[in-house]
N, C-alpha and C. Protein backbone atom coordinates (compact mmCIF):
# COMPACT_ATOMS: atom_id res chain seq x y z
N MET A 1 67.87 68.17 74.34
CA MET A 1 68.68 68.19 73.13
C MET A 1 69.53 66.92 73.05
N LYS A 2 69.53 66.30 71.88
CA LYS A 2 70.27 65.06 71.69
C LYS A 2 71.75 65.38 71.46
N SER A 3 72.63 64.64 72.12
CA SER A 3 74.06 64.89 71.97
C SER A 3 74.57 64.30 70.65
N LYS A 4 75.65 64.89 70.17
CA LYS A 4 76.28 64.45 68.93
C LYS A 4 76.89 63.07 69.15
N PRO A 5 76.70 62.15 68.19
CA PRO A 5 77.28 60.82 68.37
C PRO A 5 78.80 60.87 68.39
N SER A 6 79.39 59.99 69.18
CA SER A 6 80.86 59.91 69.24
C SER A 6 81.40 59.31 67.94
N PHE A 7 82.70 59.42 67.75
CA PHE A 7 83.35 58.84 66.58
C PHE A 7 83.10 57.33 66.54
N LYS A 8 83.19 56.69 67.70
CA LYS A 8 82.95 55.25 67.77
C LYS A 8 81.51 54.91 67.37
N GLN A 9 80.55 55.73 67.79
CA GLN A 9 79.16 55.49 67.42
C GLN A 9 78.95 55.68 65.92
N LEU A 10 79.66 56.63 65.32
CA LEU A 10 79.59 56.82 63.86
C LEU A 10 80.15 55.60 63.13
N ILE A 11 81.24 55.06 63.62
CA ILE A 11 81.85 53.87 63.03
C ILE A 11 80.89 52.69 63.14
N TYR A 12 80.32 52.53 64.33
CA TYR A 12 79.35 51.45 64.57
C TYR A 12 78.19 51.56 63.59
N ALA A 13 77.64 52.76 63.43
CA ALA A 13 76.51 52.98 62.51
C ALA A 13 76.92 52.68 61.07
N GLU A 14 78.13 53.03 60.70
CA GLU A 14 78.63 52.77 59.35
C GLU A 14 78.77 51.26 59.12
N CYS A 15 79.20 50.52 60.14
CA CYS A 15 79.31 49.05 60.02
C CYS A 15 77.92 48.43 59.79
N ILE A 16 76.95 48.86 60.58
CA ILE A 16 75.57 48.36 60.42
C ILE A 16 75.07 48.69 59.01
N SER A 17 75.29 49.91 58.57
CA SER A 17 74.85 50.35 57.26
C SER A 17 75.51 49.53 56.14
N ALA A 18 76.81 49.30 56.26
CA ALA A 18 77.54 48.52 55.24
C ALA A 18 77.00 47.10 55.16
N LEU A 19 76.74 46.50 56.32
CA LEU A 19 76.19 45.14 56.32
C LEU A 19 74.78 45.10 55.75
N ASN A 20 73.95 46.08 56.11
CA ASN A 20 72.59 46.12 55.57
C ASN A 20 72.61 46.29 54.05
N THR A 21 73.53 47.09 53.54
CA THR A 21 73.67 47.26 52.09
C THR A 21 74.04 45.93 51.43
N LYS A 22 74.97 45.19 52.05
CA LYS A 22 75.36 43.88 51.51
C LYS A 22 74.20 42.90 51.55
N VAL A 23 73.42 42.93 52.64
CA VAL A 23 72.26 42.04 52.76
C VAL A 23 71.25 42.34 51.66
N GLU A 24 70.95 43.61 51.45
CA GLU A 24 69.97 43.99 50.42
C GLU A 24 70.45 43.59 49.02
N ALA A 25 71.74 43.77 48.74
CA ALA A 25 72.29 43.39 47.44
C ALA A 25 72.18 41.87 47.23
N LEU A 26 72.48 41.10 48.27
CA LEU A 26 72.37 39.64 48.16
C LEU A 26 70.92 39.21 47.97
N LYS A 27 70.01 39.82 48.73
CA LYS A 27 68.59 39.49 48.57
C LYS A 27 68.13 39.75 47.14
N SER A 28 68.58 40.85 46.58
CA SER A 28 68.23 41.20 45.20
C SER A 28 68.78 40.16 44.22
N LEU A 29 70.03 39.73 44.43
CA LEU A 29 70.62 38.69 43.58
C LEU A 29 69.82 37.39 43.67
N ILE A 30 69.43 37.02 44.89
CA ILE A 30 68.68 35.78 45.10
C ILE A 30 67.32 35.86 44.39
N ILE A 31 66.66 36.99 44.50
CA ILE A 31 65.36 37.19 43.84
C ILE A 31 65.54 37.11 42.32
N ASN A 32 66.56 37.78 41.79
CA ASN A 32 66.81 37.76 40.35
C ASN A 32 67.16 36.37 39.85
N LEU A 33 67.91 35.63 40.65
CA LEU A 33 68.27 34.26 40.29
C LEU A 33 67.03 33.38 40.25
N ALA A 34 66.16 33.55 41.24
CA ALA A 34 64.92 32.77 41.28
C ALA A 34 64.03 33.11 40.08
N ALA A 35 63.96 34.39 39.73
CA ALA A 35 63.17 34.81 38.57
C ALA A 35 63.76 34.25 37.29
N GLY A 36 65.07 34.25 37.20
CA GLY A 36 65.74 33.68 36.03
C GLY A 36 65.50 32.19 35.91
N ALA A 37 65.49 31.50 37.04
CA ALA A 37 65.22 30.06 37.03
C ALA A 37 63.79 29.79 36.60
N GLU A 38 62.87 30.61 37.04
CA GLU A 38 61.46 30.46 36.68
C GLU A 38 61.28 30.67 35.18
N ASN A 39 61.91 31.70 34.64
CA ASN A 39 61.81 31.97 33.19
C ASN A 39 62.47 30.86 32.39
N ASP A 40 63.60 30.35 32.90
CA ASP A 40 64.32 29.29 32.20
C ASP A 40 63.50 28.01 32.15
N SER A 41 62.78 27.71 33.23
CA SER A 41 62.01 26.46 33.27
C SER A 41 60.83 26.50 32.30
N LYS A 42 60.37 27.69 31.95
CA LYS A 42 59.25 27.81 31.02
C LYS A 42 59.70 27.63 29.58
N SER A 43 60.98 27.91 29.29
CA SER A 43 61.42 27.93 27.90
C SER A 43 62.40 26.82 27.53
N SER A 44 62.85 26.02 28.49
CA SER A 44 63.87 25.01 28.19
C SER A 44 63.34 23.60 28.45
N ALA A 45 64.02 22.66 27.84
CA ALA A 45 63.68 21.27 28.07
C ALA A 45 64.93 20.43 27.94
N GLY A 46 64.90 19.25 28.55
CA GLY A 46 65.99 18.29 28.38
C GLY A 46 67.14 18.47 29.36
N ASP A 47 68.25 17.78 29.02
CA ASP A 47 69.43 17.74 29.89
C ASP A 47 70.03 19.12 30.12
N LYS A 48 70.06 19.93 29.08
CA LYS A 48 70.62 21.28 29.20
C LYS A 48 69.86 22.07 30.26
N HIS A 49 68.56 21.93 30.26
CA HIS A 49 67.72 22.61 31.26
C HIS A 49 68.02 22.13 32.67
N GLU A 50 68.15 20.81 32.83
CA GLU A 50 68.43 20.24 34.16
C GLU A 50 69.78 20.72 34.69
N THR A 51 70.78 20.82 33.82
CA THR A 51 72.11 21.31 34.21
C THR A 51 72.03 22.77 34.64
N ALA A 52 71.33 23.58 33.86
CA ALA A 52 71.18 25.00 34.19
C ALA A 52 70.44 25.16 35.51
N LYS A 53 69.41 24.36 35.71
CA LYS A 53 68.62 24.43 36.95
C LYS A 53 69.50 24.07 38.17
N ALA A 54 70.34 23.04 38.01
CA ALA A 54 71.24 22.63 39.09
C ALA A 54 72.26 23.72 39.40
N MET A 55 72.77 24.37 38.35
CA MET A 55 73.75 25.45 38.55
C MET A 55 73.11 26.62 39.30
N ILE A 56 71.89 26.95 38.93
CA ILE A 56 71.17 28.04 39.60
C ILE A 56 70.94 27.69 41.06
N GLN A 57 70.57 26.44 41.32
CA GLN A 57 70.32 26.01 42.70
C GLN A 57 71.59 26.09 43.54
N ILE A 58 72.72 25.70 42.97
CA ILE A 58 74.01 25.78 43.68
C ILE A 58 74.33 27.24 43.99
N GLU A 59 74.12 28.12 43.02
CA GLU A 59 74.38 29.54 43.22
C GLU A 59 73.47 30.12 44.31
N GLN A 60 72.19 29.71 44.31
CA GLN A 60 71.25 30.18 45.34
C GLN A 60 71.70 29.73 46.72
N GLU A 61 72.16 28.48 46.83
CA GLU A 61 72.63 27.97 48.12
C GLU A 61 73.84 28.76 48.60
N LYS A 62 74.74 29.08 47.68
CA LYS A 62 75.94 29.85 48.02
C LYS A 62 75.54 31.25 48.51
N LEU A 63 74.62 31.90 47.80
CA LEU A 63 74.17 33.24 48.19
C LEU A 63 73.43 33.21 49.52
N ASN A 64 72.62 32.18 49.74
CA ASN A 64 71.91 32.07 51.02
C ASN A 64 72.88 31.85 52.18
N LYS A 65 73.97 31.12 51.93
CA LYS A 65 75.00 30.92 52.96
C LYS A 65 75.65 32.27 53.30
N GLN A 66 76.00 33.05 52.26
CA GLN A 66 76.59 34.37 52.48
C GLN A 66 75.62 35.27 53.26
N LEU A 67 74.35 35.19 52.92
CA LEU A 67 73.33 35.98 53.60
C LEU A 67 73.30 35.62 55.09
N GLY A 68 73.36 34.33 55.37
CA GLY A 68 73.39 33.88 56.77
C GLY A 68 74.60 34.41 57.51
N GLU A 69 75.75 34.47 56.82
CA GLU A 69 76.97 35.00 57.44
C GLU A 69 76.83 36.48 57.75
N PHE A 70 76.20 37.23 56.83
CA PHE A 70 75.98 38.66 57.08
C PHE A 70 75.03 38.86 58.26
N TYR A 71 73.98 38.05 58.33
CA TYR A 71 73.05 38.15 59.47
C TYR A 71 73.77 37.82 60.78
N ALA A 72 74.69 36.86 60.75
CA ALA A 72 75.46 36.52 61.95
C ALA A 72 76.35 37.69 62.36
N GLN A 73 76.95 38.38 61.39
CA GLN A 73 77.78 39.55 61.70
C GLN A 73 76.93 40.68 62.29
N ILE A 74 75.74 40.88 61.74
CA ILE A 74 74.85 41.90 62.29
C ILE A 74 74.49 41.56 63.73
N SER A 75 74.24 40.29 63.99
CA SER A 75 73.90 39.84 65.34
C SER A 75 75.06 40.12 66.32
N ILE A 76 76.28 39.86 65.89
CA ILE A 76 77.46 40.14 66.73
C ILE A 76 77.54 41.64 67.01
N LEU A 77 77.37 42.45 65.96
CA LEU A 77 77.43 43.90 66.13
C LEU A 77 76.36 44.41 67.08
N GLU A 78 75.15 43.87 66.97
CA GLU A 78 74.05 44.33 67.82
C GLU A 78 74.30 44.05 69.30
N LYS A 79 75.20 43.13 69.61
CA LYS A 79 75.53 42.82 71.01
C LYS A 79 76.58 43.77 71.58
N ILE A 80 77.13 44.62 70.72
CA ILE A 80 78.17 45.57 71.15
C ILE A 80 77.52 46.88 71.56
N ASP A 81 77.93 47.40 72.71
CA ASP A 81 77.45 48.70 73.18
C ASP A 81 78.48 49.75 72.72
N ALA A 82 78.09 50.52 71.71
CA ALA A 82 79.01 51.51 71.13
C ALA A 82 79.29 52.68 72.07
N THR A 83 78.57 52.76 73.19
CA THR A 83 78.82 53.84 74.15
C THR A 83 79.72 53.37 75.30
N ALA A 84 79.94 52.06 75.40
CA ALA A 84 80.76 51.52 76.50
C ALA A 84 82.22 51.93 76.33
N GLN A 85 82.86 52.17 77.46
CA GLN A 85 84.28 52.52 77.44
C GLN A 85 85.02 51.63 78.41
N SER A 86 86.25 51.33 78.05
CA SER A 86 87.10 50.49 78.87
C SER A 86 88.54 50.95 78.69
N PRO A 87 89.33 50.97 79.77
CA PRO A 87 90.74 51.37 79.60
C PRO A 87 91.54 50.31 78.83
N LYS A 88 91.06 49.06 78.88
CA LYS A 88 91.71 47.97 78.16
C LYS A 88 90.91 47.65 76.90
N ILE A 89 91.58 47.15 75.90
CA ILE A 89 90.93 46.81 74.63
C ILE A 89 90.09 45.56 74.81
N ILE A 90 88.79 45.72 74.51
CA ILE A 90 87.82 44.63 74.57
C ILE A 90 87.05 44.62 73.25
N LYS A 91 86.20 43.60 73.07
CA LYS A 91 85.33 43.58 71.89
C LYS A 91 84.48 44.84 71.92
N GLY A 92 84.48 45.58 70.81
CA GLY A 92 83.75 46.84 70.73
C GLY A 92 84.62 48.06 70.96
N SER A 93 85.90 47.86 71.25
CA SER A 93 86.81 49.00 71.46
C SER A 93 87.21 49.63 70.14
N LEU A 94 87.34 50.95 70.19
CA LEU A 94 87.94 51.70 69.10
C LEU A 94 89.37 52.01 69.55
N VAL A 95 90.33 51.57 68.75
CA VAL A 95 91.74 51.72 69.11
C VAL A 95 92.39 52.70 68.14
N LYS A 96 92.97 53.76 68.70
CA LYS A 96 93.73 54.71 67.89
C LYS A 96 95.20 54.36 68.07
N THR A 97 95.85 54.07 66.94
CA THR A 97 97.29 53.78 66.98
C THR A 97 98.03 54.79 66.12
N ASP A 98 99.34 54.70 66.16
CA ASP A 98 100.14 55.57 65.29
C ASP A 98 100.00 55.18 63.82
N LYS A 99 99.34 54.04 63.55
CA LYS A 99 99.13 53.58 62.17
C LYS A 99 97.67 53.74 61.73
N GLY A 100 96.83 54.30 62.59
CA GLY A 100 95.43 54.49 62.23
C GLY A 100 94.47 53.92 63.26
N PHE A 101 93.19 53.92 62.88
CA PHE A 101 92.13 53.46 63.78
C PHE A 101 91.74 52.02 63.50
N PHE A 102 91.42 51.29 64.57
CA PHE A 102 90.93 49.92 64.48
C PHE A 102 89.70 49.79 65.37
N PHE A 103 88.65 49.19 64.82
CA PHE A 103 87.42 48.92 65.59
C PHE A 103 87.29 47.42 65.71
N LEU A 104 87.43 46.90 66.95
CA LEU A 104 87.40 45.47 67.17
C LEU A 104 85.96 44.98 67.36
N SER A 105 85.44 44.35 66.33
CA SER A 105 84.05 43.89 66.39
C SER A 105 83.83 42.69 65.47
N ILE A 106 83.86 42.92 64.17
CA ILE A 106 83.66 41.88 63.17
C ILE A 106 84.69 42.06 62.07
N ALA A 107 84.85 41.06 61.23
CA ALA A 107 85.78 41.16 60.11
C ALA A 107 85.07 41.84 58.94
N LEU A 108 85.22 43.15 58.83
CA LEU A 108 84.55 43.90 57.78
C LEU A 108 85.53 44.61 56.85
N GLY A 109 86.75 44.82 57.32
CA GLY A 109 87.73 45.51 56.49
C GLY A 109 87.71 47.01 56.70
N LYS A 110 88.15 47.75 55.67
CA LYS A 110 88.27 49.20 55.81
C LYS A 110 86.96 49.90 55.50
N ILE A 111 86.58 50.82 56.39
CA ILE A 111 85.41 51.67 56.18
C ILE A 111 85.85 53.12 56.42
N SER A 112 84.99 54.05 56.04
CA SER A 112 85.26 55.46 56.31
C SER A 112 84.14 56.03 57.16
N ALA A 113 84.52 56.82 58.15
CA ALA A 113 83.55 57.51 59.01
C ALA A 113 84.18 58.85 59.41
N ALA A 114 83.42 59.92 59.27
CA ALA A 114 83.90 61.26 59.61
C ALA A 114 85.24 61.57 58.95
N GLN A 115 85.36 61.26 57.68
CA GLN A 115 86.58 61.49 56.88
C GLN A 115 87.82 60.75 57.40
N GLU A 116 87.62 59.71 58.17
CA GLU A 116 88.73 58.90 58.67
C GLU A 116 88.54 57.46 58.18
N ASN A 117 89.65 56.82 57.81
CA ASN A 117 89.61 55.40 57.48
C ASN A 117 89.77 54.61 58.77
N VAL A 118 88.98 53.56 58.88
CA VAL A 118 89.00 52.71 60.07
C VAL A 118 89.03 51.26 59.60
N ILE A 119 89.91 50.46 60.20
CA ILE A 119 89.94 49.04 59.91
C ILE A 119 89.04 48.35 60.94
N VAL A 120 88.01 47.69 60.44
CA VAL A 120 87.08 46.96 61.30
C VAL A 120 87.53 45.50 61.28
N LEU A 121 88.02 45.02 62.42
CA LEU A 121 88.54 43.67 62.46
C LEU A 121 88.00 42.89 63.64
N SER A 122 88.00 41.61 63.47
CA SER A 122 87.51 40.69 64.50
C SER A 122 88.54 40.55 65.61
N PRO A 123 88.07 40.44 66.86
CA PRO A 123 89.02 40.18 67.96
C PRO A 123 89.72 38.82 67.81
N GLN A 124 89.16 37.94 66.97
CA GLN A 124 89.77 36.64 66.74
C GLN A 124 90.82 36.67 65.62
N SER A 125 90.90 37.77 64.88
CA SER A 125 91.90 37.88 63.82
C SER A 125 93.28 37.95 64.46
N PRO A 126 94.33 37.63 63.71
CA PRO A 126 95.68 37.66 64.31
C PRO A 126 96.02 39.01 64.96
N LEU A 127 95.78 40.12 64.26
CA LEU A 127 96.09 41.43 64.85
C LEU A 127 95.11 41.77 65.97
N GLY A 128 93.84 41.48 65.76
CA GLY A 128 92.83 41.74 66.79
C GLY A 128 93.15 41.02 68.09
N ALA A 129 93.57 39.77 67.98
CA ALA A 129 93.91 38.99 69.17
C ALA A 129 95.10 39.60 69.92
N LEU A 130 96.05 40.17 69.18
CA LEU A 130 97.20 40.82 69.83
C LEU A 130 96.79 42.09 70.57
N PHE A 131 95.81 42.82 70.02
CA PHE A 131 95.33 44.05 70.66
C PHE A 131 94.57 43.77 71.96
N MET A 132 93.83 42.66 72.00
CA MET A 132 92.93 42.40 73.12
C MET A 132 93.66 42.47 74.48
N GLY A 133 93.05 43.21 75.40
CA GLY A 133 93.58 43.31 76.76
C GLY A 133 94.63 44.38 76.96
N LEU A 134 95.11 44.98 75.88
CA LEU A 134 96.13 46.02 76.00
C LEU A 134 95.47 47.37 76.29
N SER A 135 96.27 48.36 76.66
CA SER A 135 95.74 49.70 76.92
C SER A 135 96.65 50.74 76.28
N ALA A 136 96.23 52.00 76.39
CA ALA A 136 96.99 53.11 75.79
C ALA A 136 98.43 53.09 76.29
N THR A 137 99.33 53.48 75.44
CA THR A 137 100.79 53.55 75.61
C THR A 137 101.49 52.22 75.34
N GLN A 138 100.73 51.12 75.26
CA GLN A 138 101.37 49.84 74.97
C GLN A 138 101.60 49.69 73.47
N LYS A 139 102.49 48.76 73.13
CA LYS A 139 102.82 48.50 71.73
C LYS A 139 102.54 47.04 71.41
N VAL A 140 102.26 46.80 70.13
CA VAL A 140 102.10 45.43 69.66
C VAL A 140 102.81 45.34 68.31
N GLN A 141 103.43 44.18 68.05
CA GLN A 141 104.11 44.00 66.78
C GLN A 141 103.44 42.88 66.01
N PHE A 142 103.17 43.16 64.71
CA PHE A 142 102.52 42.18 63.85
C PHE A 142 103.08 42.35 62.44
N ASN A 143 103.54 41.26 61.84
CA ASN A 143 104.15 41.30 60.49
C ASN A 143 105.24 42.36 60.39
N ASN A 144 106.11 42.40 61.37
CA ASN A 144 107.23 43.35 61.41
C ASN A 144 106.79 44.82 61.44
N ILE A 145 105.56 45.07 61.84
CA ILE A 145 105.06 46.43 62.00
C ILE A 145 104.71 46.62 63.47
N THR A 146 105.23 47.69 64.06
CA THR A 146 104.93 47.98 65.46
C THR A 146 103.79 49.02 65.50
N TYR A 147 102.77 48.69 66.28
CA TYR A 147 101.62 49.58 66.46
C TYR A 147 101.68 50.15 67.87
N GLN A 148 101.82 51.47 67.97
CA GLN A 148 101.80 52.15 69.26
C GLN A 148 100.35 52.53 69.55
N ILE A 149 99.81 52.03 70.65
CA ILE A 149 98.42 52.34 71.01
C ILE A 149 98.40 53.70 71.67
N LEU A 150 97.65 54.63 71.07
CA LEU A 150 97.57 56.00 71.57
C LEU A 150 96.35 56.22 72.45
N GLU A 151 95.20 55.66 72.03
CA GLU A 151 93.95 55.81 72.78
C GLU A 151 93.10 54.56 72.64
N VAL A 152 92.31 54.31 73.68
CA VAL A 152 91.34 53.21 73.64
C VAL A 152 89.99 53.81 74.02
N ASP A 153 88.99 53.61 73.18
CA ASP A 153 87.64 54.10 73.46
C ASP A 153 86.69 52.93 73.44
């Protein structure tokens, strides 16, 4: 019998799902942009056409850059073992504080898992960097807010 996934594993799965959704949306935009450029090239001529073509190309480059960033975030996440536990906060730790949950992995922002809001933040972010290496019962202060660490998973 397969065991029920932990809260941290649910958060991890939600992060992967959120990134995959963003990747698919970007791919769709890139495909639609390419189709629009193809249709535009069949019906336009002159300087106006060249300007529109250049604008579409710039937009495609921007979207492809974003796509690369999402793939890089997925790669970072895939290197995290969602079952690993440590008494000290490390990359991949789920931190329960008196102000809520934080998952130190990538800069993704707020997500929901198991009816709980979780802030997914990078260990390199200002708050993430302050959390790193700490353990339960310790406190950290950021922007005049004190975070009491209750649990580390």
